[in-house]
């Protein structure tokens, strides 16, 4: 078995790419959660009837949860 010694340039590039990936995943999660939260709150004022208001409100919160769950699964 041959062990490859990783030099510091390879290690720092891998580390940088990993950090960029995690930061971009966090950005997507934060933006989608924020947008869904605003949309859920707005649905209480925009939609007519209590059924529509509750469906929009709960639907956007479920969507935010599913997006956050999917991003966490991708991050590992």
PDB file of N, CA and C in Angstrom:
ATOM      1  N   UNK A   1       0.837  -1.165   0.000  1.00  0.00           N
ATOM      2  CA  UNK A   1       0.000   0.000   0.000  1.00  0.00           C
ATOM      3  C   UNK A   1       0.888   1.237   0.000  1.00  0.00           C
ATOM      4  N   UNK A   2       0.612   2.122  -0.937  1.00  0.00           N
ATOM      5  CA  UNK A   2       1.406   3.340  -1.075  1.00  0.00           C
ATOM      6  C   UNK A   2       0.627   4.498  -0.465  1.00  0.00           C
ATOM      7  N   UNK A   3       1.263   5.193   0.432  1.00  0.00           N
ATOM      8  CA  UNK A   3       0.638   6.344   1.079  1.00  0.00           C
ATOM      9  C   UNK A   3       1.084   7.607   0.353  1.00  0.00           C
ATOM     10  N   UNK A   4       0.151   8.376  -0.108  1.00  0.00           N
ATOM     11  CA  UNK A   4       0.470   9.632  -0.779  1.00  0.00           C
ATOM     12  C   UNK A   4       0.514  10.741   0.258  1.00  0.00           C
ATOM     13  N   UNK A   5       1.601  11.445   0.276  1.00  0.00           N
ATOM     14  CA  UNK A   5       1.740  12.540   1.215  1.00  0.00           C
ATOM     15  C   UNK A   5       1.150  13.794   0.580  1.00  0.00           C
ATOM     16  N   UNK A   6       0.212  14.396   1.261  1.00  0.00           N
ATOM     17  CA  UNK A   6      -0.451  15.574   0.739  1.00  0.00           C
ATOM     18  C   UNK A   6       0.342  16.809   1.145  1.00  0.00           C
ATOM     19  N   UNK A   7       0.688  17.633   0.168  1.00  0.00           N
ATOM     20  CA  UNK A   7       1.412  18.843   0.534  1.00  0.00           C
ATOM     21  C   UNK A   7       0.433  19.916   0.990  1.00  0.00           C
ATOM     22  N   UNK A   8       0.943  20.981   1.508  1.00  0.00           N
ATOM     23  CA  UNK A   8       0.089  21.991   2.121  1.00  0.00           C
ATOM     24  C   UNK A   8      -0.770  22.724   1.091  1.00  0.00           C
ATOM     25  N   UNK A   9      -0.301  22.846  -0.151  1.00  0.00           N
ATOM     26  CA  UNK A   9      -1.094  23.523  -1.179  1.00  0.00           C
ATOM     27  C   UNK A   9      -2.356  22.716  -1.510  1.00  0.00           C
ATOM     28  N   UNK A  10      -2.218  21.401  -1.650  1.00  0.00           N
ATOM     29  CA  UNK A  10      -3.386  20.562  -1.915  1.00  0.00           C
ATOM     30  C   UNK A  10      -4.361  20.610  -0.751  1.00  0.00           C
ATOM     31  N   UNK A  11      -3.832  20.555   0.433  1.00  0.00           N
ATOM     32  CA  UNK A  11      -4.665  20.556   1.629  1.00  0.00           C
ATOM     33  C   UNK A  11      -5.420  21.872   1.773  1.00  0.00           C
ATOM     34  N   UNK A  12      -4.739  22.990   1.534  1.00  0.00           N
ATOM     35  CA  UNK A  12      -5.401  24.284   1.695  1.00  0.00           C
ATOM     36  C   UNK A  12      -6.429  24.513   0.592  1.00  0.00           C
ATOM     37  N   UNK A  13      -6.179  24.016  -0.626  1.00  0.00           N
ATOM     38  CA  UNK A  13      -7.159  24.157  -1.700  1.00  0.00           C
ATOM     39  C   UNK A  13      -8.399  23.321  -1.404  1.00  0.00           C
ATOM     40  N   UNK A  14      -8.214  22.112  -0.949  1.00  0.00           N
ATOM     41  CA  UNK A  14      -9.357  21.265  -0.582  1.00  0.00           C
ATOM     42  C   UNK A  14     -10.155  21.896   0.558  1.00  0.00           C
ATOM     43  N   UNK A  15      -9.442  22.429   1.523  1.00  0.00           N
ATOM     44  CA  UNK A  15     -10.093  23.075   2.663  1.00  0.00           C
ATOM     45  C   UNK A  15     -10.878  24.307   2.210  1.00  0.00           C
ATOM     46  N   UNK A  16     -10.306  25.087   1.298  1.00  0.00           N
ATOM     47  CA  UNK A  16     -10.973  26.281   0.791  1.00  0.00           C
ATOM     48  C   UNK A  16     -12.240  25.907   0.025  1.00  0.00           C
ATOM     49  N   UNK A  17     -12.153  24.899  -0.840  1.00  0.00           N
ATOM     50  CA  UNK A  17     -13.316  24.476  -1.608  1.00  0.00           C
ATOM     51  C   UNK A  17     -14.417  23.925  -0.709  1.00  0.00           C
ATOM     52  N   UNK A  18     -14.022  23.208   0.331  1.00  0.00           N
ATOM     53  CA  UNK A  18     -15.013  22.683   1.278  1.00  0.00           C
ATOM     54  C   UNK A  18     -15.708  23.816   2.013  1.00  0.00           C
ATOM     55  N   UNK A  19     -14.951  24.821   2.424  1.00  0.00           N
ATOM     56  CA  UNK A  19     -15.543  25.958   3.129  1.00  0.00           C
ATOM     57  C   UNK A  19     -16.459  26.761   2.219  1.00  0.00           C
ATOM     58  N   UNK A  20     -16.085  26.921   0.958  1.00  0.00           N
ATOM     59  CA  UNK A  20     -16.939  27.640   0.009  1.00  0.00           C
ATOM     60  C   UNK A  20     -18.242  26.873  -0.201  1.00  0.00           C
ATOM     61  N   UNK A  21     -18.155  25.550  -0.308  1.00  0.00           N
ATOM     62  CA  UNK A  21     -19.349  24.736  -0.483  1.00  0.00           C
ATOM     63  C   UNK A  21     -20.291  24.825   0.703  1.00  0.00           C
ATOM     64  N   UNK A  22     -19.753  24.760   1.896  1.00  0.00           N
ATOM     65  CA  UNK A  22     -20.581  24.852   3.100  1.00  0.00           C
ATOM     66  C   UNK A  22     -21.186  26.247   3.224  1.00  0.00           C
ATOM     67  N   UNK A  23     -20.397  27.287   2.917  1.00  0.00           N
ATOM     68  CA  UNK A  23     -20.919  28.654   3.010  1.00  0.00           C
ATOM     69  C   UNK A  23     -22.033  28.896   1.996  1.00  0.00           C
ATOM     70  N   UNK A  24     -21.873  28.377   0.781  1.00  0.00           N
ATOM     71  CA  UNK A  24     -22.927  28.568  -0.215  1.00  0.00           C
ATOM     72  C   UNK A  24     -24.182  27.782   0.148  1.00  0.00           C
ATOM     73  N   UNK A  25     -24.030  26.600   0.730  1.00  0.00           N
ATOM     74  CA  UNK A  25     -25.191  25.833   1.169  1.00  0.00           C
ATOM     75  C   UNK A  25     -25.914  26.563   2.301  1.00  0.00           C
ATOM     76  N   UNK A  26     -25.164  27.148   3.216  1.00  0.00           N
ATOM     77  CA  UNK A  26     -25.779  27.924   4.297  1.00  0.00           C
ATOM     78  C   UNK A  26     -26.505  29.150   3.751  1.00  0.00           C
ATOM     79  N   UNK A  27     -25.940  29.780   2.714  1.00  0.00           N
ATOM     80  CA  UNK A  27     -26.566  30.945   2.103  1.00  0.00           C
ATOM     81  C   UNK A  27     -27.889  30.565   1.450  1.00  0.00           C
ATOM     82  N   UNK A  28     -27.897  29.466   0.711  1.00  0.00           N
ATOM     83  CA  UNK A  28     -29.134  29.000   0.073  1.00  0.00           C
ATOM     84  C   UNK A  28     -30.185  28.680   1.130  1.00  0.00           C
ATOM     85  N   UNK A  29     -29.783  28.015   2.180  1.00  0.00           N
ATOM     86  CA  UNK A  29     -30.719  27.654   3.252  1.00  0.00           C
ATOM     87  C   UNK A  29     -31.289  28.897   3.926  1.00  0.00           C
ATOM     88  N   UNK A  30     -30.447  29.875   4.214  1.00  0.00           N
ATOM     89  CA  UNK A  30     -30.909  31.085   4.891  1.00  0.00           C
ATOM     90  C   UNK A  30     -31.850  31.892   4.002  1.00  0.00           C
ATOM     91  N   UNK A  31     -31.495  32.034   2.732  1.00  0.00           N
ATOM     92  CA  UNK A  31     -32.345  32.800   1.828  1.00  0.00           C
ATOM     93  C   UNK A  31     -33.701  32.134   1.618  1.00  0.00           C
ATOM     94  N   UNK A  32     -33.695  30.840   1.399  1.00  0.00           N
ATOM     95  CA  UNK A  32     -34.966  30.151   1.160  1.00  0.00           C
ATOM     96  C   UNK A  32     -35.840  30.153   2.411  1.00  0.00           C
ATOM     97  N   UNK A  33     -35.248  29.995   3.569  1.00  0.00           N
ATOM     98  CA  UNK A  33     -36.017  30.044   4.806  1.00  0.00           C
ATOM     99  C   UNK A  33     -36.603  31.439   5.033  1.00  0.00           C
ATOM    100  N   UNK A  34     -35.809  32.458   4.776  1.00  0.00           N
ATOM    101  CA  UNK A  34     -36.289  33.831   4.929  1.00  0.00           C
ATOM    102  C   UNK A  34     -37.409  34.164   3.964  1.00  0.00           C
ATOM    103  N   UNK A  35     -37.249  33.768   2.703  1.00  0.00           N
ATOM    104  CA  UNK A  35     -38.280  34.041   1.699  1.00  0.00           C
ATOM    105  C   UNK A  35     -39.566  33.307   2.038  1.00  0.00           C
ATOM    106  N   UNK A  36     -39.453  32.049   2.433  1.00  0.00           N
ATOM    107  CA  UNK A  36     -40.650  31.276   2.788  1.00  0.00           C
ATOM    108  C   UNK A  36     -41.330  31.837   4.034  1.00  0.00           C
ATOM    109  N   UNK A  37     -40.561  32.339   4.971  1.00  0.00           N
ATOM    110  CA  UNK A  37     -41.152  32.926   6.174  1.00  0.00           C
ATOM    111  C   UNK A  37     -41.919  34.206   5.843  1.00  0.00           C
ATOM    112  N   UNK A  38     -41.349  35.044   4.992  1.00  0.00           N
ATOM    113  CA  UNK A  38     -42.043  36.262   4.583  1.00  0.00           C
ATOM    114  C   UNK A  38     -43.289  35.910   3.785  1.00  0.00           C
ATOM    115  N   UNK A  39     -43.183  34.931   2.904  1.00  0.00           N
ATOM    116  CA  UNK A  39     -44.346  34.515   2.111  1.00  0.00           C
ATOM    117  C   UNK A  39     -45.437  33.925   3.006  1.00  0.00           C
ATOM    118  N   UNK A  40     -45.053  33.177   4.030  1.00  0.00           N
ATOM    119  CA  UNK A  40     -46.043  32.613   4.950  1.00  0.00           C
ATOM    120  C   UNK A  40     -46.783  33.728   5.687  1.00  0.00           C
ATOM    121  N   UNK A  41     -46.041  34.727   6.138  1.00  0.00           N
ATOM    122  CA  UNK A  41     -46.672  35.844   6.831  1.00  0.00           C
ATOM    123  C   UNK A  41     -47.545  36.651   5.878  1.00  0.00           C
ATOM    124  N   UNK A  42     -47.066  36.877   4.657  1.00  0.00           N
ATOM    125  CA  UNK A  42     -47.832  37.640   3.672  1.00  0.00           C
ATOM    126  C   UNK A  42     -49.099  36.908   3.250  1.00  0.00           C
ATOM    127  N   UNK A  43     -49.060  35.588   3.242  1.00  0.00           N
ATOM    128  CA  UNK A  43     -50.245  34.835   2.842  1.00  0.00           C
ATOM    129  C   UNK A  43     -51.415  35.063   3.797  1.00  0.00           C
ATOM    130  N   UNK A  44     -51.121  35.422   5.030  1.00  0.00           N
ATOM    131  CA  UNK A  44     -52.188  35.723   5.976  1.00  0.00           C
ATOM    132  C   UNK A  44     -52.954  36.984   5.595  1.00  0.00           C
ATOM    133  N   UNK A  45     -52.313  37.886   4.848  1.00  0.00           N
ATOM    134  CA  UNK A  45     -52.950  39.140   4.458  1.00  0.00           C
ATOM    135  C   UNK A  45     -53.433  39.124   3.008  1.00  0.00           C
ATOM    136  N   UNK A  46     -52.756  38.384   2.155  1.00  0.00           N
ATOM    137  CA  UNK A  46     -53.059  38.421   0.726  1.00  0.00           C
ATOM    138  C   UNK A  46     -54.198  37.477   0.361  1.00  0.00           C
ATOM    139  N   UNK A  47     -54.168  36.273   0.878  1.00  0.00           N
ATOM    140  CA  UNK A  47     -55.167  35.279   0.499  1.00  0.00           C
ATOM    141  C   UNK A  47     -56.496  35.554   1.197  1.00  0.00           C
ATOM    142  N   UNK A  48     -57.573  35.119   0.556  1.00  0.00           N
ATOM    143  CA  UNK A  48     -58.898  35.333   1.124  1.00  0.00           C
ATOM    144  C   UNK A  48     -59.433  34.047   1.730  1.00  0.00           C
ATOM    145  N   UNK A  49     -60.167  34.176   2.789  1.00  0.00           N
ATOM    146  CA  UNK A  49     -60.758  33.028   3.461  1.00  0.00           C
ATOM    147  C   UNK A  49     -59.759  32.372   4.402  1.00  0.00           C
ATOM    148  N   UNK A  50     -60.285  31.865   5.516  1.00  0.00           N
ATOM    149  CA  UNK A  50     -59.399  31.259   6.514  1.00  0.00           C
ATOM    150  C   UNK A  50     -58.737  29.990   6.007  1.00  0.00           C
ATOM    151  N   UNK A  51     -59.440  29.251   5.159  1.00  0.00           N
ATOM    152  CA  UNK A  51     -58.842  28.040   4.608  1.00  0.00           C
ATOM    153  C   UNK A  51     -57.629  28.343   3.752  1.00  0.00           C
ATOM    154  N   UNK A  52     -57.746  29.346   2.902  1.00  0.00           N
ATOM    155  CA  UNK A  52     -56.623  29.745   2.051  1.00  0.00           C
ATOM    156  C   UNK A  52     -55.469  30.323   2.853  1.00  0.00           C
ATOM    157  N   UNK A  53     -55.812  31.127   3.846  1.00  0.00           N
ATOM    158  CA  UNK A  53     -54.778  31.740   4.687  1.00  0.00           C
ATOM    159  C   UNK A  53     -53.982  30.676   5.443  1.00  0.00           C
ATOM    160  N   UNK A  54     -54.686  29.742   6.059  1.00  0.00           N
ATOM    161  CA  UNK A  54     -53.987  28.696   6.815  1.00  0.00           C
ATOM    162  C   UNK A  54     -53.215  27.756   5.900  1.00  0.00           C
ATOM    163  N   UNK A  55     -53.797  27.447   4.744  1.00  0.00           N
ATOM    164  CA  UNK A  55     -53.092  26.577   3.797  1.00  0.00           C
ATOM    165  C   UNK A  55     -51.815  27.238   3.301  1.00  0.00           C
ATOM    166  N   UNK A  56     -51.875  28.507   2.953  1.00  0.00           N
ATOM    167  CA  UNK A  56     -50.682  29.234   2.505  1.00  0.00           C
ATOM    168  C   UNK A  56     -49.645  29.346   3.604  1.00  0.00           C
ATOM    169  N   UNK A  57     -50.107  29.680   4.799  1.00  0.00           N
ATOM    170  CA  UNK A  57     -49.195  29.843   5.932  1.00  0.00           C
ATOM    171  C   UNK A  57     -48.474  28.539   6.254  1.00  0.00           C
ATOM    172  N   UNK A  58     -49.243  27.475   6.418  1.00  0.00           N
ATOM    173  CA  UNK A  58     -48.647  26.177   6.764  1.00  0.00           C
ATOM    174  C   UNK A  58     -47.822  25.638   5.596  1.00  0.00           C
ATOM    175  N   UNK A  59     -48.313  25.843   4.384  1.00  0.00           N
ATOM    176  CA  UNK A  59     -47.599  25.354   3.206  1.00  0.00           C
ATOM    177  C   UNK A  59     -46.213  25.967   3.056  1.00  0.00           C
ATOM    178  N   UNK A  60     -46.107  27.270   3.252  1.00  0.00           N
ATOM    179  CA  UNK A  60     -44.798  27.915   3.128  1.00  0.00           C
ATOM    180  C   UNK A  60     -43.855  27.501   4.254  1.00  0.00           C
ATOM    181  N   UNK A  61     -44.372  27.277   5.443  1.00  0.00           N
ATOM    182  CA  UNK A  61     -43.497  26.806   6.516  1.00  0.00           C
ATOM    183  C   UNK A  61     -43.034  25.377   6.276  1.00  0.00           C
ATOM    184  N   UNK A  62     -43.896  24.548   5.731  1.00  0.00           N
ATOM    185  CA  UNK A  62     -43.482  23.183   5.379  1.00  0.00           C
ATOM    186  C   UNK A  62     -42.438  23.226   4.272  1.00  0.00           C
ATOM    187  N   UNK A  63     -42.637  24.097   3.290  1.00  0.00           N
ATOM    188  CA  UNK A  63     -41.659  24.234   2.212  1.00  0.00           C
ATOM    189  C   UNK A  63     -40.298  24.688   2.748  1.00  0.00           C
ATOM    190  N   UNK A  64     -40.294  25.643   3.665  1.00  0.00           N
ATOM    191  CA  UNK A  64     -39.033  26.103   4.269  1.00  0.00           C
ATOM    192  C   UNK A  64     -38.343  24.971   5.011  1.00  0.00           C
ATOM    193  N   UNK A  65     -39.122  24.171   5.744  1.00  0.00           N
ATOM    194  CA  UNK A  65     -38.549  23.041   6.469  1.00  0.00           C
ATOM    195  C   UNK A  65     -37.952  22.021   5.504  1.00  0.00           C
ATOM    196  N   UNK A  66     -38.667  21.717   4.426  1.00  0.00           N
ATOM    197  CA  UNK A  66     -38.172  20.733   3.461  1.00  0.00           C
ATOM    198  C   UNK A  66     -36.906  21.208   2.761  1.00  0.00           C
ATOM    199  N   UNK A  67     -36.836  22.483   2.427  1.00  0.00           N
ATOM    200  CA  UNK A  67     -35.624  23.024   1.802  1.00  0.00           C
ATOM    201  C   UNK A  67     -34.451  22.947   2.771  1.00  0.00           C
ATOM    202  N   UNK A  68     -34.671  23.325   4.036  1.00  0.00           N
ATOM    203  CA  UNK A  68     -33.600  23.261   5.033  1.00  0.00           C
ATOM    204  C   UNK A  68     -33.148  21.820   5.248  1.00  0.00           C
ATOM    205  N   UNK A  69     -34.092  20.885   5.263  1.00  0.00           N
ATOM    206  CA  UNK A  69     -33.753  19.472   5.436  1.00  0.00           C
ATOM    207  C   UNK A  69     -32.933  18.967   4.249  1.00  0.00           C
ATOM    208  N   UNK A  70     -33.328  19.335   3.035  1.00  0.00           N
ATOM    209  CA  UNK A  70     -32.614  18.896   1.840  1.00  0.00           C
ATOM    210  C   UNK A  70     -31.193  19.462   1.787  1.00  0.00           C
ATOM    211  N   UNK A  71     -31.028  20.711   2.166  1.00  0.00           N
ATOM    212  CA  UNK A  71     -29.695  21.319   2.168  1.00  0.00           C
ATOM    213  C   UNK A  71     -28.820  20.656   3.218  1.00  0.00           C
ATOM    214  N   UNK A  72     -29.368  20.342   4.377  1.00  0.00           N
ATOM    215  CA  UNK A  72     -28.601  19.646   5.408  1.00  0.00           C
ATOM    216  C   UNK A  72     -28.186  18.257   4.950  1.00  0.00           C
ATOM    217  N   UNK A  73     -29.063  17.564   4.211  1.00  0.00           N
ATOM    218  CA  UNK A  73     -28.708  16.240   3.676  1.00  0.00           C
ATOM    219  C   UNK A  73     -27.579  16.358   2.667  1.00  0.00           C
ATOM    220  N   UNK A  74     -27.595  17.399   1.842  1.00  0.00           N
ATOM    221  CA  UNK A  74     -26.541  17.587   0.839  1.00  0.00           C
ATOM    222  C   UNK A  74     -25.211  17.920   1.507  1.00  0.00           C
ATOM    223  N   UNK A  75     -25.280  18.744   2.567  1.00  0.00           N
ATOM    224  CA  UNK A  75     -24.050  19.110   3.284  1.00  0.00           C
ATOM    225  C   UNK A  75     -23.422  17.896   3.964  1.00  0.00           C
ATOM    226  N   UNK A  76     -24.236  16.966   4.380  1.00  0.00           N
ATOM    227  CA  UNK A  76     -23.699  15.752   5.001  1.00  0.00           C
ATOM    228  C   UNK A  76     -23.768  15.745   6.438  1.00  0.00           C
TER     229      UNK A  76
END
